């Protein structure tokens, strides 16, 4: 059995084209940045200064709790590599 059967080849080629398209590099990086912690810190600062401080504090608490749960989950499920 082949790893990449002919059935999957058109889909694989589409993915290769999308991943190597220079025109999509900046938009993909921008969308990826929306999930990083630095974006949320800037968002919280903006919300605190310009919109509503109570909303910014609630979002900050949510960010801290999710970060804690994420790290605790990784710590509890950490195991040796197979």
N, C-alpha and C. Protein backbone atom coordinates (compact mmCIF):
# COMPACT_ATOMS: atom_id res chain seq x y z
N UNK A 1 0.84 -1.19 0.00
CA UNK A 1 0.00 0.00 0.00
C UNK A 1 0.89 1.25 0.00
N UNK A 2 0.60 2.15 -0.88
CA UNK A 2 1.35 3.39 -0.95
C UNK A 2 0.88 4.37 0.12
N UNK A 3 1.80 5.20 0.57
CA UNK A 3 1.45 6.19 1.58
C UNK A 3 0.50 7.23 0.99
N UNK A 4 0.81 7.71 -0.19
CA UNK A 4 -0.05 8.67 -0.85
C UNK A 4 -0.66 8.01 -2.08
N UNK A 5 -1.88 7.58 -1.97
CA UNK A 5 -2.53 6.95 -3.11
C UNK A 5 -2.91 8.02 -4.13
N UNK A 6 -3.13 7.64 -5.36
CA UNK A 6 -3.51 8.63 -6.40
C UNK A 6 -4.80 9.38 -6.04
N UNK A 7 -5.62 8.78 -5.22
CA UNK A 7 -6.86 9.42 -4.81
C UNK A 7 -6.59 10.72 -4.06
N UNK A 8 -5.54 10.77 -3.25
CA UNK A 8 -5.24 11.93 -2.41
C UNK A 8 -4.38 12.98 -3.11
N UNK A 9 -3.76 12.66 -4.21
CA UNK A 9 -2.80 13.56 -4.84
C UNK A 9 -3.37 14.93 -5.22
N UNK A 10 -4.58 15.05 -5.78
CA UNK A 10 -5.08 16.40 -6.09
C UNK A 10 -5.22 17.26 -4.83
N UNK A 11 -5.68 16.69 -3.74
CA UNK A 11 -5.81 17.45 -2.50
C UNK A 11 -4.47 17.87 -1.94
N UNK A 12 -3.49 16.98 -2.05
CA UNK A 12 -2.15 17.30 -1.56
C UNK A 12 -1.54 18.43 -2.38
N UNK A 13 -1.76 18.41 -3.68
CA UNK A 13 -1.23 19.49 -4.53
C UNK A 13 -1.87 20.83 -4.20
N UNK A 14 -3.17 20.83 -3.93
CA UNK A 14 -3.85 22.07 -3.55
C UNK A 14 -3.26 22.63 -2.26
N UNK A 15 -3.03 21.78 -1.29
CA UNK A 15 -2.45 22.21 -0.02
C UNK A 15 -1.04 22.75 -0.22
N UNK A 16 -0.25 22.09 -1.05
CA UNK A 16 1.11 22.59 -1.34
C UNK A 16 1.09 23.97 -1.97
N UNK A 17 0.18 24.17 -2.91
CA UNK A 17 0.08 25.48 -3.57
C UNK A 17 -0.32 26.54 -2.56
N UNK A 18 -1.29 26.25 -1.70
CA UNK A 18 -1.73 27.23 -0.71
C UNK A 18 -0.64 27.55 0.30
N UNK A 19 0.14 26.55 0.70
CA UNK A 19 1.18 26.77 1.69
C UNK A 19 2.39 27.51 1.14
N UNK A 20 2.60 27.45 -0.14
CA UNK A 20 3.78 28.10 -0.72
C UNK A 20 3.44 29.36 -1.50
N UNK A 21 2.18 29.77 -1.51
CA UNK A 21 1.79 30.98 -2.25
C UNK A 21 2.30 32.22 -1.53
N UNK A 22 3.17 33.01 -2.17
CA UNK A 22 3.70 34.20 -1.51
C UNK A 22 2.64 35.25 -1.20
N UNK A 23 1.58 35.29 -1.98
CA UNK A 23 0.53 36.28 -1.74
C UNK A 23 -0.25 35.99 -0.47
N UNK A 24 -0.25 34.75 -0.01
CA UNK A 24 -1.00 34.39 1.18
C UNK A 24 -0.16 34.41 2.45
N UNK A 25 1.13 34.68 2.35
CA UNK A 25 2.01 34.62 3.52
C UNK A 25 1.60 35.63 4.59
N UNK A 26 1.43 36.89 4.21
CA UNK A 26 1.10 37.93 5.19
C UNK A 26 -0.30 37.73 5.77
N UNK A 27 -1.33 37.45 4.97
CA UNK A 27 -2.64 37.22 5.58
C UNK A 27 -2.66 36.01 6.53
N UNK A 28 -1.95 34.95 6.17
CA UNK A 28 -1.91 33.78 7.05
C UNK A 28 -1.19 34.09 8.36
N UNK A 29 -0.11 34.86 8.29
CA UNK A 29 0.60 35.26 9.51
C UNK A 29 -0.29 36.16 10.37
N UNK A 30 -1.05 37.05 9.74
CA UNK A 30 -1.94 37.95 10.50
C UNK A 30 -3.02 37.16 11.23
N UNK A 31 -3.62 36.21 10.56
CA UNK A 31 -4.66 35.40 11.19
C UNK A 31 -4.06 34.54 12.30
N UNK A 32 -2.87 34.02 12.10
CA UNK A 32 -2.20 33.23 13.13
C UNK A 32 -1.89 34.08 14.36
N UNK A 33 -1.54 35.35 14.14
CA UNK A 33 -1.21 36.24 15.25
C UNK A 33 -2.42 36.49 16.16
N UNK A 34 -3.63 36.37 15.61
CA UNK A 34 -4.83 36.57 16.41
C UNK A 34 -4.97 35.54 17.52
N UNK A 35 -4.27 34.43 17.43
CA UNK A 35 -4.34 33.41 18.46
C UNK A 35 -3.19 33.46 19.45
N UNK A 36 -2.27 34.40 19.29
CA UNK A 36 -1.12 34.47 20.17
C UNK A 36 -1.43 35.33 21.40
N UNK A 37 -0.63 35.11 22.42
CA UNK A 37 -0.83 35.81 23.68
C UNK A 37 -0.58 37.31 23.55
N UNK A 38 0.36 37.70 22.71
CA UNK A 38 0.67 39.13 22.54
C UNK A 38 -0.54 39.89 21.99
N UNK A 39 -1.31 39.27 21.11
CA UNK A 39 -2.52 39.91 20.59
C UNK A 39 -3.51 40.16 21.72
N UNK A 40 -3.70 39.18 22.58
CA UNK A 40 -4.66 39.33 23.66
C UNK A 40 -4.22 40.39 24.66
N UNK A 41 -2.93 40.51 24.90
CA UNK A 41 -2.43 41.55 25.80
C UNK A 41 -2.73 42.94 25.21
N UNK A 42 -2.48 43.11 23.91
CA UNK A 42 -2.79 44.39 23.27
C UNK A 42 -4.30 44.65 23.25
N UNK A 43 -5.08 43.61 23.02
CA UNK A 43 -6.53 43.76 23.02
C UNK A 43 -7.03 44.17 24.40
N UNK A 44 -6.51 43.55 25.45
CA UNK A 44 -6.92 43.89 26.81
C UNK A 44 -6.54 45.33 27.14
N UNK A 45 -5.34 45.76 26.74
CA UNK A 45 -4.92 47.14 26.99
C UNK A 45 -5.83 48.13 26.26
N UNK A 46 -6.18 47.81 25.01
CA UNK A 46 -7.08 48.68 24.25
C UNK A 46 -8.46 48.73 24.90
N UNK A 47 -8.99 47.57 25.27
CA UNK A 47 -10.31 47.56 25.91
C UNK A 47 -10.31 48.34 27.22
N UNK A 48 -9.24 48.22 28.00
CA UNK A 48 -9.16 48.93 29.27
C UNK A 48 -9.12 50.44 29.05
N UNK A 49 -8.37 50.88 28.05
CA UNK A 49 -8.20 52.32 27.83
C UNK A 49 -9.35 52.95 27.05
N UNK A 50 -9.90 52.23 26.09
CA UNK A 50 -10.83 52.88 25.18
C UNK A 50 -12.28 52.42 25.29
N UNK A 51 -12.51 51.22 25.77
CA UNK A 51 -13.88 50.72 25.73
C UNK A 51 -14.48 50.66 27.12
N UNK A 52 -14.13 49.61 27.87
CA UNK A 52 -14.71 49.44 29.20
C UNK A 52 -13.73 48.67 30.07
N UNK A 53 -13.24 49.27 31.14
CA UNK A 53 -12.27 48.58 31.99
C UNK A 53 -12.78 47.27 32.59
N UNK A 54 -14.06 47.21 32.91
CA UNK A 54 -14.59 45.97 33.50
C UNK A 54 -14.53 44.81 32.51
N UNK A 55 -14.77 45.10 31.25
CA UNK A 55 -14.67 44.07 30.21
C UNK A 55 -13.22 43.60 30.06
N UNK A 56 -12.28 44.55 30.13
CA UNK A 56 -10.87 44.20 30.02
C UNK A 56 -10.43 43.33 31.19
N UNK A 57 -10.90 43.64 32.39
CA UNK A 57 -10.53 42.83 33.56
C UNK A 57 -11.11 41.43 33.43
N UNK A 58 -12.35 41.31 32.98
CA UNK A 58 -12.95 39.98 32.80
C UNK A 58 -12.18 39.16 31.77
N UNK A 59 -11.78 39.81 30.67
CA UNK A 59 -11.01 39.11 29.65
C UNK A 59 -9.63 38.71 30.17
N UNK A 60 -9.02 39.57 30.98
CA UNK A 60 -7.72 39.25 31.57
C UNK A 60 -7.83 38.06 32.50
N UNK A 61 -8.86 38.02 33.32
CA UNK A 61 -9.06 36.87 34.22
C UNK A 61 -9.28 35.60 33.39
N UNK A 62 -10.06 35.70 32.34
CA UNK A 62 -10.29 34.55 31.46
C UNK A 62 -8.98 34.09 30.82
N UNK A 63 -8.15 35.01 30.39
CA UNK A 63 -6.86 34.66 29.79
C UNK A 63 -5.97 33.96 30.80
N UNK A 64 -5.94 34.44 32.03
CA UNK A 64 -5.11 33.82 33.07
C UNK A 64 -5.61 32.41 33.39
N UNK A 65 -6.91 32.26 33.52
CA UNK A 65 -7.48 30.93 33.84
C UNK A 65 -7.22 29.94 32.72
N UNK A 66 -7.43 30.34 31.47
CA UNK A 66 -7.21 29.40 30.37
C UNK A 66 -5.74 29.05 30.23
N UNK A 67 -4.86 30.01 30.49
CA UNK A 67 -3.43 29.73 30.45
C UNK A 67 -3.05 28.73 31.54
N UNK A 68 -3.60 28.90 32.74
CA UNK A 68 -3.34 27.99 33.85
C UNK A 68 -3.86 26.58 33.53
N UNK A 69 -5.08 26.49 33.05
CA UNK A 69 -5.66 25.18 32.71
C UNK A 69 -4.84 24.50 31.61
N UNK A 70 -4.40 25.26 30.63
CA UNK A 70 -3.59 24.71 29.55
C UNK A 70 -2.28 24.14 30.10
N UNK A 71 -1.60 24.89 30.93
CA UNK A 71 -0.32 24.42 31.47
C UNK A 71 -0.50 23.24 32.42
N UNK A 72 -1.54 23.26 33.22
CA UNK A 72 -1.79 22.14 34.13
C UNK A 72 -2.15 20.88 33.35
N UNK A 73 -2.94 21.02 32.30
CA UNK A 73 -3.27 19.87 31.47
C UNK A 73 -2.04 19.28 30.80
N UNK A 74 -1.16 20.13 30.30
CA UNK A 74 0.07 19.64 29.70
C UNK A 74 0.95 18.95 30.74
N UNK A 75 1.00 19.52 31.93
CA UNK A 75 1.82 18.93 33.00
C UNK A 75 1.27 17.58 33.43
N UNK A 76 -0.05 17.47 33.58
CA UNK A 76 -0.66 16.21 34.04
C UNK A 76 -0.58 15.12 32.97
N UNK A 77 -0.67 15.48 31.72
CA UNK A 77 -0.66 14.49 30.65
C UNK A 77 0.72 14.25 30.07
N UNK A 78 1.72 14.91 30.64
CA UNK A 78 3.07 14.76 30.12
C UNK A 78 3.56 13.32 30.34
N UNK A 79 4.10 12.78 29.32
CA UNK A 79 4.63 11.42 29.41
C UNK A 79 5.81 11.28 28.48
N UNK A 80 6.54 10.19 28.63
CA UNK A 80 7.68 9.99 27.75
C UNK A 80 7.24 9.74 26.31
N UNK A 81 8.09 10.11 25.39
CA UNK A 81 7.78 9.91 23.98
C UNK A 81 7.90 8.43 23.65
N UNK A 82 7.03 7.93 22.81
CA UNK A 82 7.11 6.51 22.44
C UNK A 82 8.30 6.22 21.56
